[in-house]
Amino acid sequence: MSAAVAVRYARALVDLATRPGETATPETVVEEITSFEQALKLSAALRNVLASPAVPLAQKRRLITRLVRELGLSDLVRRFLLVVMERRRMNLLGEIRQAVEQLLDERLGVVRVEVASAHELTPAQRQALEDGLAQLTARRPRARYFIEPELIGGAVVRIGSVIYDGSIRGQLEALKRRLSGAEA
């Protein structure tokens, strides 16, 4: 149930962030929600005040408005956070942010990609890989890179549930399977 509620809020925010004339870009909106979410994580007192039914709504509004100003967030995000707080959905902010990211990726033609490599890839290697992934998926890749030394060399790319294994470790395992199958 909470996932469906988070998606409804996310869809409303994405609709507002992508409408013509909106000053806050969709990417900025995600960054700002993340920034506010971090502030909540760092302050148990802030979380308690926003969650407490004993604290008047007017006081919560002033607190959110002040925090938004201090963090330098957009008016769109301020209004959105006020609605989330008034509807007592602040506990869903993390899920809402994740849903916003997914919806924006879909609308903007972005595909999330995880790339594991044995060594740090150079900027030229990253660009070549992302260009190839853009051709493969017909979408713009948003890659997250990380190092896995046990791959020995090459890279493993994950797009959703599909894995492309171009690592030396993967090639050695495939060779081992072929050799053990030939002996049987």
N, C-alpha and C. Protein backbone atom coordinates (compact mmCIF):
# COMPACT_ATOMS: atom_id res chain seq x y z
N MET A 1 0.82 -1.20 0.00
CA MET A 1 0.00 0.00 0.00
C MET A 1 0.86 1.25 0.00
N SER A 2 1.94 1.29 0.83
CA SER A 2 2.78 2.49 0.90
C SER A 2 3.47 2.75 -0.43
N ALA A 3 3.82 1.70 -1.17
CA ALA A 3 4.47 1.88 -2.47
C ALA A 3 3.51 2.56 -3.45
N ALA A 4 2.25 2.16 -3.43
CA ALA A 4 1.27 2.78 -4.32
C ALA A 4 1.06 4.24 -3.96
N VAL A 5 1.04 4.55 -2.68
CA VAL A 5 0.88 5.94 -2.24
C VAL A 5 2.10 6.75 -2.66
N ALA A 6 3.29 6.19 -2.48
CA ALA A 6 4.53 6.88 -2.86
C ALA A 6 4.53 7.17 -4.36
N VAL A 7 4.07 6.23 -5.16
CA VAL A 7 4.03 6.43 -6.62
C VAL A 7 3.05 7.54 -6.98
N ARG A 8 1.92 7.62 -6.29
CA ARG A 8 0.95 8.69 -6.57
C ARG A 8 1.56 10.07 -6.31
N TYR A 9 2.23 10.20 -5.17
CA TYR A 9 2.89 11.47 -4.85
C TYR A 9 4.00 11.75 -5.85
N ALA A 10 4.77 10.74 -6.19
CA ALA A 10 5.87 10.90 -7.14
C ALA A 10 5.36 11.34 -8.50
N ARG A 11 4.28 10.72 -8.95
CA ARG A 11 3.71 11.06 -10.26
C ARG A 11 3.26 12.54 -10.27
N ALA A 12 2.66 12.97 -9.19
CA ALA A 12 2.22 14.37 -9.11
C ALA A 12 3.42 15.31 -9.17
N LEU A 13 4.49 14.99 -8.46
CA LEU A 13 5.68 15.83 -8.46
C LEU A 13 6.35 15.84 -9.83
N VAL A 14 6.43 14.69 -10.47
CA VAL A 14 7.03 14.60 -11.80
C VAL A 14 6.20 15.41 -12.80
N ASP A 15 4.89 15.32 -12.71
CA ASP A 15 4.02 16.10 -13.59
C ASP A 15 4.31 17.59 -13.43
N LEU A 16 4.47 18.04 -12.20
CA LEU A 16 4.75 19.45 -11.96
C LEU A 16 6.15 19.84 -12.42
N ALA A 17 7.13 18.98 -12.18
CA ALA A 17 8.53 19.29 -12.51
C ALA A 17 8.78 19.29 -14.02
N THR A 18 7.96 18.57 -14.78
CA THR A 18 8.18 18.49 -16.22
C THR A 18 7.24 19.38 -17.02
N ARG A 19 6.40 20.13 -16.35
CA ARG A 19 5.48 21.01 -17.08
C ARG A 19 6.25 22.20 -17.66
N PRO A 20 5.78 22.70 -18.77
CA PRO A 20 6.45 23.86 -19.39
C PRO A 20 6.44 25.07 -18.46
N GLY A 21 7.55 25.76 -18.43
CA GLY A 21 7.65 26.97 -17.61
C GLY A 21 8.10 26.74 -16.19
N GLU A 22 8.25 25.50 -15.77
CA GLU A 22 8.70 25.23 -14.40
C GLU A 22 10.18 25.60 -14.30
N THR A 23 10.52 26.36 -13.27
CA THR A 23 11.91 26.82 -13.12
C THR A 23 12.82 25.74 -12.56
N ALA A 24 12.30 24.85 -11.76
CA ALA A 24 13.11 23.76 -11.20
C ALA A 24 13.16 22.62 -12.22
N THR A 25 14.37 22.20 -12.57
CA THR A 25 14.50 21.08 -13.51
C THR A 25 14.19 19.78 -12.79
N PRO A 26 13.79 18.76 -13.54
CA PRO A 26 13.50 17.46 -12.90
C PRO A 26 14.69 16.92 -12.09
N GLU A 27 15.90 17.06 -12.64
CA GLU A 27 17.09 16.57 -11.93
C GLU A 27 17.31 17.35 -10.64
N THR A 28 17.05 18.66 -10.68
CA THR A 28 17.20 19.50 -9.49
C THR A 28 16.19 19.08 -8.43
N VAL A 29 14.99 18.76 -8.84
CA VAL A 29 13.95 18.35 -7.90
C VAL A 29 14.41 17.10 -7.14
N VAL A 30 14.97 16.13 -7.85
CA VAL A 30 15.45 14.91 -7.20
C VAL A 30 16.56 15.24 -6.22
N GLU A 31 17.50 16.09 -6.63
CA GLU A 31 18.60 16.49 -5.74
C GLU A 31 18.08 17.19 -4.49
N GLU A 32 17.08 18.04 -4.67
CA GLU A 32 16.53 18.79 -3.54
C GLU A 32 15.77 17.88 -2.57
N ILE A 33 15.01 16.96 -3.10
CA ILE A 33 14.31 16.00 -2.23
C ILE A 33 15.35 15.18 -1.45
N THR A 34 16.41 14.77 -2.14
CA THR A 34 17.48 14.01 -1.48
C THR A 34 18.12 14.84 -0.38
N SER A 35 18.35 16.12 -0.65
CA SER A 35 18.94 17.01 0.34
C SER A 35 18.06 17.13 1.58
N PHE A 36 16.76 17.30 1.37
CA PHE A 36 15.83 17.39 2.50
C PHE A 36 15.79 16.06 3.26
N GLU A 37 15.81 14.97 2.51
CA GLU A 37 15.79 13.64 3.13
C GLU A 37 17.03 13.44 4.01
N GLN A 38 18.18 13.91 3.55
CA GLN A 38 19.41 13.81 4.34
C GLN A 38 19.30 14.63 5.62
N ALA A 39 18.71 15.81 5.52
CA ALA A 39 18.51 16.64 6.71
C ALA A 39 17.63 15.92 7.73
N LEU A 40 16.61 15.23 7.24
CA LEU A 40 15.75 14.45 8.14
C LEU A 40 16.51 13.31 8.81
N LYS A 41 17.35 12.64 8.03
CA LYS A 41 18.12 11.52 8.57
C LYS A 41 19.10 11.97 9.64
N LEU A 42 19.64 13.18 9.47
CA LEU A 42 20.65 13.68 10.41
C LEU A 42 20.05 14.22 11.70
N SER A 43 18.75 14.50 11.72
CA SER A 43 18.15 15.12 12.89
C SER A 43 16.94 14.33 13.40
N ALA A 44 17.15 13.61 14.48
CA ALA A 44 16.05 12.87 15.10
C ALA A 44 15.00 13.86 15.62
N ALA A 45 15.44 15.01 16.12
CA ALA A 45 14.50 16.01 16.64
C ALA A 45 13.58 16.51 15.53
N LEU A 46 14.16 16.76 14.35
CA LEU A 46 13.35 17.23 13.22
C LEU A 46 12.33 16.17 12.82
N ARG A 47 12.77 14.92 12.75
CA ARG A 47 11.83 13.83 12.41
C ARG A 47 10.71 13.75 13.43
N ASN A 48 11.05 13.85 14.70
CA ASN A 48 10.04 13.76 15.76
C ASN A 48 9.03 14.90 15.69
N VAL A 49 9.51 16.12 15.45
CA VAL A 49 8.60 17.27 15.37
C VAL A 49 7.64 17.09 14.21
N LEU A 50 8.16 16.69 13.04
CA LEU A 50 7.31 16.54 11.86
C LEU A 50 6.33 15.38 11.99
N ALA A 51 6.70 14.36 12.78
CA ALA A 51 5.83 13.19 12.93
C ALA A 51 4.82 13.35 14.07
N SER A 52 5.09 14.26 14.98
CA SER A 52 4.26 14.39 16.17
C SER A 52 2.92 15.05 15.88
N PRO A 53 1.82 14.39 16.27
CA PRO A 53 0.50 15.02 16.13
C PRO A 53 0.29 16.14 17.15
N ALA A 54 1.16 16.21 18.16
CA ALA A 54 1.03 17.25 19.19
C ALA A 54 1.55 18.60 18.72
N VAL A 55 2.38 18.60 17.68
CA VAL A 55 2.93 19.86 17.16
C VAL A 55 1.94 20.43 16.14
N PRO A 56 1.52 21.67 16.32
CA PRO A 56 0.55 22.28 15.40
C PRO A 56 1.09 22.35 13.95
N LEU A 57 0.18 22.21 12.99
CA LEU A 57 0.55 22.26 11.58
C LEU A 57 1.25 23.56 11.21
N ALA A 58 0.81 24.67 11.77
CA ALA A 58 1.42 25.97 11.47
C ALA A 58 2.90 25.98 11.86
N GLN A 59 3.21 25.37 12.99
CA GLN A 59 4.61 25.31 13.44
C GLN A 59 5.42 24.41 12.50
N LYS A 60 4.83 23.31 12.07
CA LYS A 60 5.52 22.42 11.13
C LYS A 60 5.77 23.12 9.80
N ARG A 61 4.77 23.89 9.33
CA ARG A 61 4.93 24.64 8.07
C ARG A 61 6.08 25.63 8.17
N ARG A 62 6.14 26.36 9.30
CA ARG A 62 7.23 27.33 9.49
C ARG A 62 8.58 26.62 9.50
N LEU A 63 8.65 25.48 10.16
CA LEU A 63 9.89 24.72 10.25
C LEU A 63 10.35 24.25 8.86
N ILE A 64 9.44 23.69 8.09
CA ILE A 64 9.79 23.22 6.75
C ILE A 64 10.20 24.39 5.87
N THR A 65 9.46 25.49 5.94
CA THR A 65 9.78 26.67 5.13
C THR A 65 11.17 27.19 5.47
N ARG A 66 11.48 27.26 6.75
CA ARG A 66 12.80 27.74 7.18
C ARG A 66 13.90 26.79 6.71
N LEU A 67 13.68 25.49 6.85
CA LEU A 67 14.68 24.51 6.44
C LEU A 67 14.88 24.55 4.92
N VAL A 68 13.80 24.67 4.17
CA VAL A 68 13.88 24.77 2.71
C VAL A 68 14.70 25.99 2.32
N ARG A 69 14.47 27.11 2.99
CA ARG A 69 15.23 28.33 2.70
C ARG A 69 16.71 28.13 3.01
N GLU A 70 17.02 27.53 4.16
CA GLU A 70 18.42 27.29 4.54
C GLU A 70 19.13 26.34 3.58
N LEU A 71 18.39 25.36 3.07
CA LEU A 71 18.98 24.40 2.13
C LEU A 71 19.00 24.94 0.70
N GLY A 72 18.32 26.06 0.45
CA GLY A 72 18.29 26.66 -0.88
C GLY A 72 17.46 25.87 -1.88
N LEU A 73 16.35 25.30 -1.40
CA LEU A 73 15.51 24.47 -2.27
C LEU A 73 14.49 25.34 -3.01
N SER A 74 13.97 24.80 -4.10
CA SER A 74 13.02 25.52 -4.95
C SER A 74 11.65 25.63 -4.29
N ASP A 75 10.87 26.56 -4.82
CA ASP A 75 9.51 26.75 -4.33
C ASP A 75 8.65 25.52 -4.60
N LEU A 76 8.87 24.87 -5.75
CA LEU A 76 8.13 23.66 -6.07
C LEU A 76 8.34 22.59 -5.00
N VAL A 77 9.59 22.38 -4.62
CA VAL A 77 9.89 21.36 -3.60
C VAL A 77 9.32 21.79 -2.25
N ARG A 78 9.38 23.08 -1.94
CA ARG A 78 8.79 23.56 -0.67
C ARG A 78 7.30 23.24 -0.62
N ARG A 79 6.60 23.58 -1.69
CA ARG A 79 5.15 23.31 -1.72
C ARG A 79 4.88 21.81 -1.63
N PHE A 80 5.68 21.03 -2.32
CA PHE A 80 5.49 19.57 -2.30
C PHE A 80 5.71 19.03 -0.88
N LEU A 81 6.78 19.46 -0.23
CA LEU A 81 7.07 18.98 1.13
C LEU A 81 5.96 19.39 2.10
N LEU A 82 5.40 20.55 1.91
CA LEU A 82 4.30 20.97 2.78
C LEU A 82 3.09 20.05 2.61
N VAL A 83 2.78 19.69 1.37
CA VAL A 83 1.65 18.77 1.13
C VAL A 83 1.95 17.41 1.76
N VAL A 84 3.16 16.92 1.57
CA VAL A 84 3.54 15.61 2.14
C VAL A 84 3.42 15.65 3.66
N MET A 85 3.88 16.73 4.27
CA MET A 85 3.80 16.86 5.72
C MET A 85 2.35 16.95 6.19
N GLU A 86 1.54 17.77 5.50
CA GLU A 86 0.14 17.94 5.91
C GLU A 86 -0.65 16.65 5.78
N ARG A 87 -0.28 15.80 4.85
CA ARG A 87 -0.97 14.52 4.65
C ARG A 87 -0.34 13.40 5.49
N ARG A 88 0.62 13.76 6.33
CA ARG A 88 1.31 12.82 7.23
C ARG A 88 1.97 11.67 6.44
N ARG A 89 2.67 12.02 5.38
CA ARG A 89 3.35 11.04 4.53
C ARG A 89 4.87 11.24 4.53
N MET A 90 5.39 12.02 5.46
CA MET A 90 6.83 12.30 5.50
C MET A 90 7.64 11.01 5.66
N ASN A 91 7.05 10.00 6.30
CA ASN A 91 7.75 8.72 6.45
C ASN A 91 7.95 8.01 5.11
N LEU A 92 7.24 8.45 4.08
CA LEU A 92 7.36 7.85 2.74
C LEU A 92 8.30 8.63 1.83
N LEU A 93 8.98 9.63 2.35
CA LEU A 93 9.78 10.51 1.50
C LEU A 93 10.85 9.75 0.71
N GLY A 94 11.51 8.78 1.34
CA GLY A 94 12.51 7.98 0.62
C GLY A 94 11.91 7.21 -0.53
N GLU A 95 10.76 6.59 -0.28
CA GLU A 95 10.08 5.83 -1.34
C GLU A 95 9.58 6.77 -2.44
N ILE A 96 9.11 7.94 -2.05
CA ILE A 96 8.64 8.91 -3.03
C ILE A 96 9.82 9.34 -3.92
N ARG A 97 10.97 9.64 -3.32
CA ARG A 97 12.14 10.04 -4.10
C ARG A 97 12.55 8.96 -5.09
N GLN A 98 12.56 7.70 -4.65
CA GLN A 98 12.92 6.61 -5.55
C GLN A 98 11.92 6.51 -6.70
N ALA A 99 10.65 6.65 -6.40
CA ALA A 99 9.63 6.59 -7.45
C ALA A 99 9.77 7.78 -8.41
N VAL A 100 10.11 8.95 -7.88
CA VAL A 100 10.33 10.12 -8.74
C VAL A 100 11.49 9.83 -9.70
N GLU A 101 12.57 9.28 -9.18
CA GLU A 101 13.72 8.96 -10.03
C GLU A 101 13.34 8.00 -11.15
N GLN A 102 12.59 6.96 -10.82
CA GLN A 102 12.18 5.98 -11.83
C GLN A 102 11.26 6.60 -12.87
N LEU A 103 10.28 7.37 -12.42
CA LEU A 103 9.35 8.01 -13.36
C LEU A 103 10.06 9.01 -14.27
N LEU A 104 10.98 9.78 -13.71
CA LEU A 104 11.73 10.73 -14.52
C LEU A 104 12.59 10.00 -15.55
N ASP A 105 13.22 8.92 -15.13
CA ASP A 105 14.02 8.13 -16.07
C ASP A 105 13.16 7.66 -17.24
N GLU A 106 11.97 7.17 -16.94
CA GLU A 106 11.06 6.70 -17.99
C GLU A 106 10.67 7.84 -18.93
N ARG A 107 10.30 8.97 -18.36
CA ARG A 107 9.84 10.10 -19.18
C ARG A 107 10.96 10.73 -19.99
N LEU A 108 12.17 10.73 -19.45
CA LEU A 108 13.29 11.38 -20.12
C LEU A 108 14.11 10.42 -20.97
N GLY A 109 13.69 9.15 -21.04
CA GLY A 109 14.39 8.18 -21.89
C GLY A 109 15.74 7.78 -21.34
N VAL A 110 15.82 7.62 -20.04
CA VAL A 110 17.08 7.26 -19.38
C VAL A 110 16.97 5.82 -18.88
N VAL A 111 18.06 5.07 -19.03
CA VAL A 111 18.12 3.72 -18.50
C VAL A 111 19.27 3.68 -17.47
N ARG A 112 18.99 3.09 -16.33
CA ARG A 112 20.02 2.96 -15.28
C ARG A 112 20.87 1.74 -15.56
N VAL A 113 22.17 1.92 -15.43
CA VAL A 113 23.13 0.88 -15.75
C VAL A 113 24.14 0.80 -14.61
N GLU A 114 24.47 -0.43 -14.21
CA GLU A 114 25.53 -0.65 -13.24
C GLU A 114 26.69 -1.30 -13.96
N VAL A 115 27.87 -0.73 -13.79
CA VAL A 115 29.06 -1.24 -14.46
C VAL A 115 30.10 -1.59 -13.40
N ALA A 116 30.44 -2.87 -13.34
CA ALA A 116 31.50 -3.33 -12.45
C ALA A 116 32.72 -3.63 -13.31
N SER A 117 33.85 -3.11 -12.92
CA SER A 117 35.08 -3.37 -13.66
C SER A 117 36.19 -3.72 -12.67
N ALA A 118 37.20 -4.40 -13.20
CA ALA A 118 38.31 -4.81 -12.35
C ALA A 118 39.14 -3.60 -11.92
N HIS A 119 39.21 -2.60 -12.79
CA HIS A 119 40.00 -1.39 -12.53
C HIS A 119 39.17 -0.17 -12.89
N GLU A 120 39.59 0.97 -12.39
CA GLU A 120 38.92 2.23 -12.72
C GLU A 120 38.98 2.45 -14.22
N LEU A 121 37.82 2.75 -14.82
CA LEU A 121 37.77 3.03 -16.24
C LEU A 121 38.15 4.49 -16.50
N THR A 122 38.85 4.71 -17.60
CA THR A 122 39.21 6.07 -17.98
C THR A 122 37.96 6.78 -18.51
N PRO A 123 37.99 8.10 -18.53
CA PRO A 123 36.83 8.82 -19.10
C PRO A 123 36.53 8.40 -20.54
N ALA A 124 37.56 8.14 -21.34
CA ALA A 124 37.33 7.71 -22.72
C ALA A 124 36.66 6.33 -22.76
N GLN A 125 37.09 5.42 -21.86
CA GLN A 125 36.47 4.08 -21.80
C GLN A 125 35.02 4.18 -21.35
N ARG A 126 34.77 5.04 -20.38
CA ARG A 126 33.39 5.23 -19.90
C ARG A 126 32.50 5.77 -21.02
N GLN A 127 33.02 6.76 -21.74
CA GLN A 127 32.24 7.36 -22.83
C GLN A 127 31.96 6.33 -23.92
N ALA A 128 32.97 5.53 -24.28
CA ALA A 128 32.77 4.50 -25.32
C ALA A 128 31.74 3.48 -24.86
N LEU A 129 31.82 3.08 -23.59
CA LEU A 129 30.86 2.12 -23.04
C LEU A 129 29.45 2.70 -23.05
N GLU A 130 29.31 3.95 -22.62
CA GLU A 130 27.99 4.58 -22.58
C GLU A 130 27.44 4.79 -23.99
N ASP A 131 28.31 5.10 -24.95
CA ASP A 131 27.85 5.24 -26.34
C ASP A 131 27.31 3.91 -26.85
N GLY A 132 28.03 2.82 -26.55
CA GLY A 132 27.57 1.49 -26.97
C GLY A 132 26.26 1.10 -26.30
N LEU A 133 26.14 1.43 -25.02
CA LEU A 133 24.90 1.12 -24.29
C LEU A 133 23.73 1.95 -24.82
N ALA A 134 23.99 3.18 -25.23
CA ALA A 134 22.93 4.01 -25.80
C ALA A 134 22.42 3.39 -27.11
N GLN A 135 23.33 2.86 -27.92
CA GLN A 135 22.92 2.20 -29.16
C GLN A 135 22.16 0.91 -28.85
N LEU A 136 22.63 0.16 -27.87
CA LEU A 136 22.01 -1.11 -27.51
C LEU A 136 20.59 -0.92 -26.98
N THR A 137 20.39 0.07 -26.14
CA THR A 137 19.11 0.25 -25.46
C THR A 137 18.20 1.28 -26.12
N ALA A 138 18.74 2.08 -27.02
CA ALA A 138 18.01 3.19 -27.64
C ALA A 138 17.52 4.19 -26.58
N ARG A 139 18.24 4.24 -25.48
CA ARG A 139 17.96 5.19 -24.40
C ARG A 139 19.29 5.75 -23.91
N ARG A 140 19.22 6.83 -23.19
CA ARG A 140 20.42 7.46 -22.64
C ARG A 140 20.79 6.75 -21.33
N PRO A 141 21.99 6.16 -21.26
CA PRO A 141 22.35 5.45 -20.03
C PRO A 141 22.78 6.40 -18.91
N ARG A 142 22.37 6.08 -17.69
CA ARG A 142 22.88 6.74 -16.49
C ARG A 142 23.64 5.65 -15.75
N ALA A 143 24.95 5.69 -15.90
CA ALA A 143 25.78 4.60 -15.38
C ALA A 143 26.29 4.89 -13.98
N ARG A 144 26.32 3.84 -13.19
CA ARG A 144 26.95 3.88 -11.87
C ARG A 144 28.11 2.89 -11.94
N TYR A 145 29.30 3.36 -11.69
CA TYR A 145 30.51 2.56 -11.82
C TYR A 145 31.02 2.14 -10.46
N PHE A 146 31.52 0.92 -10.39
CA PHE A 146 32.20 0.48 -9.19
C PHE A 146 33.24 -0.57 -9.55
N ILE A 147 34.17 -0.78 -8.63
CA ILE A 147 35.32 -1.65 -8.85
C ILE A 147 35.08 -3.00 -8.18
N GLU A 148 35.35 -4.09 -8.93
CA GLU A 148 35.34 -5.45 -8.38
C GLU A 148 36.63 -6.13 -8.84
N PRO A 149 37.69 -6.07 -8.03
CA PRO A 149 38.99 -6.62 -8.45
C PRO A 149 38.94 -8.10 -8.82
N GLU A 150 37.99 -8.86 -8.27
CA GLU A 150 37.90 -10.29 -8.56
C GLU A 150 37.49 -10.58 -10.01
N LEU A 151 37.09 -9.54 -10.76
CA LEU A 151 36.76 -9.74 -12.17
C LEU A 151 38.01 -9.98 -13.02
N ILE A 152 39.18 -9.66 -12.49
CA ILE A 152 40.49 -9.81 -13.12
C ILE A 152 40.68 -8.76 -14.22
N GLY A 153 39.76 -8.64 -15.14
CA GLY A 153 39.83 -7.67 -16.23
C GLY A 153 38.47 -7.58 -16.88
N GLY A 154 38.28 -6.58 -17.74
CA GLY A 154 36.99 -6.42 -18.41
C GLY A 154 35.96 -5.79 -17.50
N ALA A 155 34.69 -6.01 -17.85
CA ALA A 155 33.60 -5.40 -17.09
C ALA A 155 32.35 -6.26 -17.15
N VAL A 156 31.47 -6.06 -16.17
CA VAL A 156 30.15 -6.67 -16.14
C VAL A 156 29.14 -5.53 -16.08
N VAL A 157 28.19 -5.55 -17.02
CA VAL A 157 27.19 -4.48 -17.11
C VAL A 157 25.82 -5.07 -16.79
N ARG A 158 25.10 -4.40 -15.91
CA ARG A 158 23.74 -4.82 -15.56
C ARG A 158 22.77 -3.71 -15.96
N ILE A 159 21.80 -4.10 -16.79
CA ILE A 159 20.72 -3.18 -17.19
C ILE A 159 19.43 -3.88 -16.76
N GLY A 160 18.84 -3.40 -15.68
CA GLY A 160 17.66 -4.07 -15.14
C GLY A 160 18.04 -5.47 -14.69
N SER A 161 17.39 -6.48 -15.26
CA SER A 161 17.69 -7.86 -14.88
C SER A 161 18.62 -8.54 -15.89
N VAL A 162 19.09 -7.80 -16.89
CA VAL A 162 19.96 -8.36 -17.93
C VAL A 162 21.41 -8.05 -17.58
N ILE A 163 22.25 -9.09 -17.65
CA ILE A 163 23.67 -8.94 -17.33
C ILE A 163 24.49 -9.27 -18.57
N TYR A 164 25.41 -8.36 -18.89
CA TYR A 164 26.36 -8.58 -19.97
C TYR A 164 27.72 -8.76 -19.31
N ASP A 165 28.27 -9.97 -19.40
CA ASP A 165 29.52 -10.28 -18.72
C ASP A 165 30.67 -10.31 -19.71
N GLY A 166 31.46 -9.25 -19.71
CA GLY A 166 32.63 -9.17 -20.56
C GLY A 166 33.90 -9.23 -19.73
N SER A 167 33.81 -9.87 -18.57
CA SER A 167 34.98 -9.94 -17.68
C SER A 167 35.82 -11.17 -18.01
N ILE A 168 37.06 -11.10 -17.63
CA ILE A 168 37.94 -12.26 -17.80
C ILE A 168 37.46 -13.40 -16.92
N ARG A 169 37.01 -13.09 -15.71
CA ARG A 169 36.48 -14.12 -14.82
C ARG A 169 35.32 -14.85 -15.50
N GLY A 170 34.42 -14.10 -16.12
CA GLY A 170 33.28 -14.71 -16.81
C GLY A 170 33.71 -15.57 -17.98
N GLN A 171 34.71 -15.11 -18.72
CA GLN A 171 35.22 -15.88 -19.86
C GLN A 171 35.87 -17.17 -19.39
N LEU A 172 36.62 -17.10 -18.27
CA LEU A 172 37.25 -18.31 -17.72
C LEU A 172 36.20 -19.31 -17.22
N GLU A 173 35.14 -18.80 -16.60
CA GLU A 173 34.07 -19.69 -16.13
C GLU A 173 33.36 -20.34 -17.31
N ALA A 174 33.13 -19.60 -18.38
CA ALA A 174 32.49 -20.17 -19.58
C ALA A 174 33.38 -21.23 -20.20
N LEU A 175 34.68 -20.98 -20.25
CA LEU A 175 35.63 -21.96 -20.79
C LEU A 175 35.63 -23.22 -19.92
N LYS A 176 35.58 -23.04 -18.61
CA LYS A 176 35.54 -24.18 -17.69
C LYS A 176 34.28 -25.02 -17.94
N ARG A 177 33.14 -24.37 -18.12
CA ARG A 177 31.89 -25.10 -18.38
C ARG A 177 31.97 -25.87 -19.70
N ARG A 178 32.53 -25.25 -20.71
CA ARG A 178 32.65 -25.92 -22.01
C ARG A 178 33.58 -27.13 -21.91
N LEU A 179 34.69 -26.96 -21.21
CA LEU A 179 35.66 -28.06 -21.09
C LEU A 179 35.08 -29.21 -20.26
N SER A 180 34.39 -28.87 -19.19
CA SER A 180 33.83 -29.93 -18.35
C SER A 180 32.67 -30.63 -19.09
N GLY A 181 31.98 -29.94 -19.95
CA GLY A 181 30.90 -30.53 -20.74
C GLY A 181 31.45 -31.43 -21.83
N ALA A 182 32.63 -31.10 -22.37
CA ALA A 182 33.25 -31.91 -23.42
C ALA A 182 33.80 -33.21 -22.89
N GLU A 183 34.19 -33.21 -21.61
CA GLU A 183 34.78 -34.42 -21.01
C GLU A 183 33.72 -35.43 -20.61
N ALA A 184 32.51 -34.98 -20.42
CA ALA A 184 31.46 -35.85 -19.91
C ALA A 184 30.95 -36.82 -20.91
